[in-house]
């Protein structure tokens, strides 16, 4: 059975969607949706090229997080390294690049853990989470606006920080929980 709501969404993606705002990283477009009442509704969607996040686990089992100043919150927050995909860049390559840029570490092994939708109500972004192991330190290359500090923490510290809301970033919590499951439930 064909869902009319799905057809309108698919058709609007195929047709030219009005671009309301363009930035270096994302666009905001207008999309139509058929409501339950039969009325055509206007939605505003943030179209994003996709991103990756990396859970870097050191050879001793500790985890490398970054502490980064975020303009949106006007403070530093703890996160796993992450970044936006470049056009036509394979996500695994983005993960390798972002890990080096943000932390200076290079990974011998990069393994996909999961793909998540960060905020599907308004944001068309797929974020792929990777586990990075076999790490060796090199030189980082943060972007101009990035103020990043590496933090090496034990799993016990990380779990406590999540419980205490010291780690509140959704991609980081999801990535860390998936990595723990992968590493400790073998």
C-alpha atoms as a PDB file:
ATOM      1  CA  UNK A   1       0.000   0.000   0.000  1.00  0.00           C
ATOM      2  CA  UNK A   2       1.365   3.422  -0.953  1.00  0.00           C
ATOM      3  CA  UNK A   3       1.550   6.033   1.778  1.00  0.00           C
ATOM      4  CA  UNK A   4       0.614   9.453   0.341  1.00  0.00           C
ATOM      5  CA  UNK A   5       2.683  11.170   3.029  1.00  0.00           C
ATOM      6  CA  UNK A   6       5.787   9.261   1.887  1.00  0.00           C
ATOM      7  CA  UNK A   7       5.111  10.160  -1.750  1.00  0.00           C
ATOM      8  CA  UNK A   8       4.937  13.879  -1.012  1.00  0.00           C
ATOM      9  CA  UNK A   9       8.216  13.704   0.924  1.00  0.00           C
ATOM     10  CA  UNK A  10       9.929  11.745  -1.860  1.00  0.00           C
ATOM     11  CA  UNK A  11       8.530  13.974  -4.592  1.00  0.00           C
ATOM     12  CA  UNK A  12       9.615  17.142  -2.813  1.00  0.00           C
ATOM     13  CA  UNK A  13      13.142  15.728  -2.541  1.00  0.00           C
ATOM     14  CA  UNK A  14      13.171  15.066  -6.268  1.00  0.00           C
ATOM     15  CA  UNK A  15      11.760  18.504  -7.110  1.00  0.00           C
ATOM     16  CA  UNK A  16      13.782  21.621  -6.419  1.00  0.00           C
ATOM     17  CA  UNK A  17      13.250  22.499  -2.778  1.00  0.00           C
ATOM     18  CA  UNK A  18      13.377  26.210  -2.017  1.00  0.00           C
ATOM     19  CA  UNK A  19      16.639  26.969  -0.211  1.00  0.00           C
ATOM     20  CA  UNK A  20      15.915  29.432   2.593  1.00  0.00           C
ATOM     21  CA  UNK A  21      19.473  29.643   3.922  1.00  0.00           C
ATOM     22  CA  UNK A  22      22.870  28.439   2.712  1.00  0.00           C
ATOM     23  CA  UNK A  23      26.001  28.114   4.807  1.00  0.00           C
ATOM     24  CA  UNK A  24      29.408  26.543   4.382  1.00  0.00           C
ATOM     25  CA  UNK A  25      28.197  23.393   6.167  1.00  0.00           C
ATOM     26  CA  UNK A  26      24.429  23.094   5.729  1.00  0.00           C
ATOM     27  CA  UNK A  27      21.331  24.453   3.948  1.00  0.00           C
ATOM     28  CA  UNK A  28      17.855  25.065   5.276  1.00  0.00           C
ATOM     29  CA  UNK A  29      15.158  24.051   2.788  1.00  0.00           C
ATOM     30  CA  UNK A  30      11.406  24.156   2.671  1.00  0.00           C
ATOM     31  CA  UNK A  31       9.648  20.816   2.281  1.00  0.00           C
ATOM     32  CA  UNK A  32       5.941  19.997   1.998  1.00  0.00           C
ATOM     33  CA  UNK A  33       4.195  17.256   3.965  1.00  0.00           C
ATOM     34  CA  UNK A  34       0.626  16.016   3.806  1.00  0.00           C
ATOM     35  CA  UNK A  35      -0.992  16.261   7.236  1.00  0.00           C
ATOM     36  CA  UNK A  36      -3.528  13.789   8.616  1.00  0.00           C
ATOM     37  CA  UNK A  37      -6.210  16.383   7.951  1.00  0.00           C
ATOM     38  CA  UNK A  38      -5.336  16.411   4.249  1.00  0.00           C
ATOM     39  CA  UNK A  39      -3.800  19.861   4.552  1.00  0.00           C
ATOM     40  CA  UNK A  40      -0.350  20.456   2.995  1.00  0.00           C
ATOM     41  CA  UNK A  41       2.079  21.464   5.750  1.00  0.00           C
ATOM     42  CA  UNK A  42       5.308  23.413   5.311  1.00  0.00           C
ATOM     43  CA  UNK A  43       8.383  22.054   7.069  1.00  0.00           C
ATOM     44  CA  UNK A  44      11.857  23.535   7.346  1.00  0.00           C
ATOM     45  CA  UNK A  45      14.667  20.992   7.130  1.00  0.00           C
ATOM     46  CA  UNK A  46      18.370  21.443   7.778  1.00  0.00           C
ATOM     47  CA  UNK A  47      20.168  19.477   5.043  1.00  0.00           C
ATOM     48  CA  UNK A  48      23.615  18.371   6.197  1.00  0.00           C
ATOM     49  CA  UNK A  49      26.252  16.399   4.250  1.00  0.00           C
ATOM     50  CA  UNK A  50      26.702  13.930   7.092  1.00  0.00           C
ATOM     51  CA  UNK A  51      29.278  13.559   9.801  1.00  0.00           C
ATOM     52  CA  UNK A  52      31.334  11.050  11.739  1.00  0.00           C
ATOM     53  CA  UNK A  53      32.254  10.613  15.381  1.00  0.00           C
ATOM     54  CA  UNK A  54      35.124   8.542  16.698  1.00  0.00           C
ATOM     55  CA  UNK A  55      35.594   6.744  20.025  1.00  0.00           C
ATOM     56  CA  UNK A  56      39.403   6.551  20.362  1.00  0.00           C
ATOM     57  CA  UNK A  57      40.533   3.809  22.760  1.00  0.00           C
ATOM     58  CA  UNK A  58      44.198   3.799  23.747  1.00  0.00           C
ATOM     59  CA  UNK A  59      46.282   0.631  24.021  1.00  0.00           C
ATOM     60  CA  UNK A  60      45.936   0.692  27.827  1.00  0.00           C
ATOM     61  CA  UNK A  61      42.130   0.652  27.527  1.00  0.00           C
ATOM     62  CA  UNK A  62      41.599   4.300  28.480  1.00  0.00           C
ATOM     63  CA  UNK A  63      39.573   6.569  26.243  1.00  0.00           C
ATOM     64  CA  UNK A  64      40.595   9.796  24.579  1.00  0.00           C
ATOM     65  CA  UNK A  65      37.958  12.518  24.810  1.00  0.00           C
ATOM     66  CA  UNK A  66      38.312  16.118  23.791  1.00  0.00           C
ATOM     67  CA  UNK A  67      37.336  19.141  25.812  1.00  0.00           C
ATOM     68  CA  UNK A  68      36.225  21.772  23.331  1.00  0.00           C
ATOM     69  CA  UNK A  69      34.843  25.287  23.572  1.00  0.00           C
ATOM     70  CA  UNK A  70      31.456  25.409  21.855  1.00  0.00           C
ATOM     71  CA  UNK A  71      30.146  28.812  20.809  1.00  0.00           C
ATOM     72  CA  UNK A  72      26.542  27.544  20.905  1.00  0.00           C
ATOM     73  CA  UNK A  73      26.807  26.932  24.676  1.00  0.00           C
ATOM     74  CA  UNK A  74      29.536  29.499  25.424  1.00  0.00           C
ATOM     75  CA  UNK A  75      31.539  26.944  27.396  1.00  0.00           C
ATOM     76  CA  UNK A  76      33.749  23.899  27.086  1.00  0.00           C
ATOM     77  CA  UNK A  77      32.135  20.496  26.790  1.00  0.00           C
ATOM     78  CA  UNK A  78      33.490  16.945  26.728  1.00  0.00           C
ATOM     79  CA  UNK A  79      33.033  15.102  23.448  1.00  0.00           C
ATOM     80  CA  UNK A  80      34.385  12.318  21.312  1.00  0.00           C
ATOM     81  CA  UNK A  81      36.182  13.671  18.223  1.00  0.00           C
ATOM     82  CA  UNK A  82      33.820  14.315  15.324  1.00  0.00           C
ATOM     83  CA  UNK A  83      33.457  16.226  12.116  1.00  0.00           C
ATOM     84  CA  UNK A  84      31.568  16.890   8.915  1.00  0.00           C
ATOM     85  CA  UNK A  85      32.166  14.907   5.751  1.00  0.00           C
ATOM     86  CA  UNK A  86      33.716  16.700   2.800  1.00  0.00           C
ATOM     87  CA  UNK A  87      31.983  16.300  -0.613  1.00  0.00           C
ATOM     88  CA  UNK A  88      32.523  12.768  -1.985  1.00  0.00           C
ATOM     89  CA  UNK A  89      34.707  11.832   1.009  1.00  0.00           C
ATOM     90  CA  UNK A  90      34.129   8.279   2.260  1.00  0.00           C
ATOM     91  CA  UNK A  91      33.002   8.383   5.917  1.00  0.00           C
ATOM     92  CA  UNK A  92      35.897   6.184   7.085  1.00  0.00           C
ATOM     93  CA  UNK A  93      38.324   8.688   5.545  1.00  0.00           C
ATOM     94  CA  UNK A  94      36.519  11.516   7.356  1.00  0.00           C
ATOM     95  CA  UNK A  95      36.959   9.602  10.627  1.00  0.00           C
ATOM     96  CA  UNK A  96      40.703   9.179  10.019  1.00  0.00           C
ATOM     97  CA  UNK A  97      41.076  12.853   9.062  1.00  0.00           C
ATOM     98  CA  UNK A  98      39.053  14.223  11.982  1.00  0.00           C
ATOM     99  CA  UNK A  99      40.831  12.057  14.542  1.00  0.00           C
ATOM    100  CA  UNK A 100      44.191  13.421  13.379  1.00  0.00           C
ATOM    101  CA  UNK A 101      42.988  17.038  13.067  1.00  0.00           C
ATOM    102  CA  UNK A 102      41.352  17.191  16.490  1.00  0.00           C
ATOM    103  CA  UNK A 103      43.613  14.966  18.598  1.00  0.00           C
ATOM    104  CA  UNK A 104      46.840  14.297  16.717  1.00  0.00           C
ATOM    105  CA  UNK A 105      46.303  10.541  17.085  1.00  0.00           C
ATOM    106  CA  UNK A 106      46.442   8.117  14.178  1.00  0.00           C
ATOM    107  CA  UNK A 107      44.529   4.840  14.366  1.00  0.00           C
ATOM    108  CA  UNK A 108      45.722   1.462  13.177  1.00  0.00           C
ATOM    109  CA  UNK A 109      42.103   0.206  13.205  1.00  0.00           C
ATOM    110  CA  UNK A 110      38.847   2.044  12.470  1.00  0.00           C
ATOM    111  CA  UNK A 111      35.633   0.047  12.877  1.00  0.00           C
ATOM    112  CA  UNK A 112      32.092   1.249  12.225  1.00  0.00           C
ATOM    113  CA  UNK A 113      29.839   0.890  15.272  1.00  0.00           C
ATOM    114  CA  UNK A 114      26.548   2.464  14.166  1.00  0.00           C
ATOM    115  CA  UNK A 115      24.775   5.147  12.158  1.00  0.00           C
ATOM    116  CA  UNK A 116      22.489   7.558  14.034  1.00  0.00           C
ATOM    117  CA  UNK A 117      20.150  10.392  13.080  1.00  0.00           C
ATOM    118  CA  UNK A 118      21.064  13.279  15.339  1.00  0.00           C
ATOM    119  CA  UNK A 119      17.766  15.196  15.322  1.00  0.00           C
ATOM    120  CA  UNK A 120      15.407  13.679  12.724  1.00  0.00           C
ATOM    121  CA  UNK A 121      12.572  16.134  13.354  1.00  0.00           C
ATOM    122  CA  UNK A 122      14.461  18.995  11.719  1.00  0.00           C
ATOM    123  CA  UNK A 123      17.921  17.785  10.694  1.00  0.00           C
ATOM    124  CA  UNK A 124      18.702  15.531   7.729  1.00  0.00           C
ATOM    125  CA  UNK A 125      22.093  14.326   9.016  1.00  0.00           C
ATOM    126  CA  UNK A 126      23.470  10.831   9.263  1.00  0.00           C
ATOM    127  CA  UNK A 127      26.256  10.528  11.795  1.00  0.00           C
ATOM    128  CA  UNK A 128      28.416   7.421  11.591  1.00  0.00           C
ATOM    129  CA  UNK A 129      30.149   6.383  14.809  1.00  0.00           C
ATOM    130  CA  UNK A 130      33.499   4.594  14.672  1.00  0.00           C
ATOM    131  CA  UNK A 131      35.734   2.838  17.184  1.00  0.00           C
ATOM    132  CA  UNK A 132      39.428   3.675  16.743  1.00  0.00           C
ATOM    133  CA  UNK A 133      42.133   1.449  18.247  1.00  0.00           C
ATOM    134  CA  UNK A 134      45.860   0.948  17.819  1.00  0.00           C
ATOM    135  CA  UNK A 135      46.429   4.657  18.441  1.00  0.00           C
ATOM    136  CA  UNK A 136      49.749   6.470  18.151  1.00  0.00           C
ATOM    137  CA  UNK A 137      50.257  10.150  18.859  1.00  0.00           C
ATOM    138  CA  UNK A 138      51.301  12.630  16.197  1.00  0.00           C
ATOM    139  CA  UNK A 139      50.658  16.317  15.527  1.00  0.00           C
ATOM    140  CA  UNK A 140      47.099  17.676  15.599  1.00  0.00           C
ATOM    141  CA  UNK A 141      45.833  20.268  13.115  1.00  0.00           C
ATOM    142  CA  UNK A 142      42.717  21.922  14.569  1.00  0.00           C
ATOM    143  CA  UNK A 143      40.680  24.304  12.441  1.00  0.00           C
ATOM    144  CA  UNK A 144      40.944  28.039  13.105  1.00  0.00           C
ATOM    145  CA  UNK A 145      37.956  28.242  15.457  1.00  0.00           C
ATOM    146  CA  UNK A 146      38.688  25.054  17.384  1.00  0.00           C
ATOM    147  CA  UNK A 147      40.023  25.245  20.934  1.00  0.00           C
ATOM    148  CA  UNK A 148      40.583  21.597  21.833  1.00  0.00           C
ATOM    149  CA  UNK A 149      42.270  19.859  24.771  1.00  0.00           C
ATOM    150  CA  UNK A 150      42.834  16.082  24.817  1.00  0.00           C
ATOM    151  CA  UNK A 151      41.596  14.313  27.953  1.00  0.00           C
ATOM    152  CA  UNK A 152      42.505  10.687  28.686  1.00  0.00           C
ATOM    153  CA  UNK A 153      39.947   9.040  30.951  1.00  0.00           C
ATOM    154  CA  UNK A 154      39.137   5.596  32.281  1.00  0.00           C
ATOM    155  CA  UNK A 155      35.817   3.955  31.514  1.00  0.00           C
ATOM    156  CA  UNK A 156      34.916   4.349  35.177  1.00  0.00           C
ATOM    157  CA  UNK A 157      35.525   8.118  34.980  1.00  0.00           C
ATOM    158  CA  UNK A 158      33.519   8.344  31.763  1.00  0.00           C
ATOM    159  CA  UNK A 159      30.533   6.482  33.216  1.00  0.00           C
ATOM    160  CA  UNK A 160      30.613   8.731  36.284  1.00  0.00           C
ATOM    161  CA  UNK A 161      30.802  11.843  34.088  1.00  0.00           C
ATOM    162  CA  UNK A 162      27.791  10.676  32.066  1.00  0.00           C
ATOM    163  CA  UNK A 163      25.826  10.027  35.278  1.00  0.00           C
ATOM    164  CA  UNK A 164      26.805  13.477  36.616  1.00  0.00           C
ATOM    165  CA  UNK A 165      25.857  15.194  33.337  1.00  0.00           C
ATOM    166  CA  UNK A 166      29.470  16.285  32.786  1.00  0.00           C
ATOM    167  CA  UNK A 167      29.261  14.496  29.443  1.00  0.00           C
ATOM    168  CA  UNK A 168      25.953  15.622  27.947  1.00  0.00           C
ATOM    169  CA  UNK A 169      26.708  15.516  24.214  1.00  0.00           C
ATOM    170  CA  UNK A 170      24.360  12.970  22.610  1.00  0.00           C
ATOM    171  CA  UNK A 171      26.757  11.620  19.962  1.00  0.00           C
ATOM    172  CA  UNK A 172      29.407  11.132  22.633  1.00  0.00           C
ATOM    173  CA  UNK A 173      27.105   9.290  25.027  1.00  0.00           C
ATOM    174  CA  UNK A 174      25.809   7.031  22.250  1.00  0.00           C
ATOM    175  CA  UNK A 175      29.313   6.390  20.901  1.00  0.00           C
ATOM    176  CA  UNK A 176      30.780   5.657  24.322  1.00  0.00           C
ATOM    177  CA  UNK A 177      27.969   3.261  25.242  1.00  0.00           C
ATOM    178  CA  UNK A 178      28.273   1.449  21.893  1.00  0.00           C
ATOM    179  CA  UNK A 179      32.057   1.177  22.295  1.00  0.00           C
ATOM    180  CA  UNK A 180      31.719  -0.237  25.809  1.00  0.00           C
ATOM    181  CA  UNK A 181      29.244  -2.799  24.555  1.00  0.00           C
ATOM    182  CA  UNK A 182      31.581  -3.775  21.729  1.00  0.00           C
ATOM    183  CA  UNK A 183      34.698  -3.960  23.911  1.00  0.00           C
ATOM    184  CA  UNK A 184      33.313  -5.549  27.065  1.00  0.00           C
ATOM    185  CA  UNK A 185      30.499  -7.826  25.917  1.00  0.00           C
ATOM    186  CA  UNK A 186      32.615 -10.165  23.801  1.00  0.00           C
END
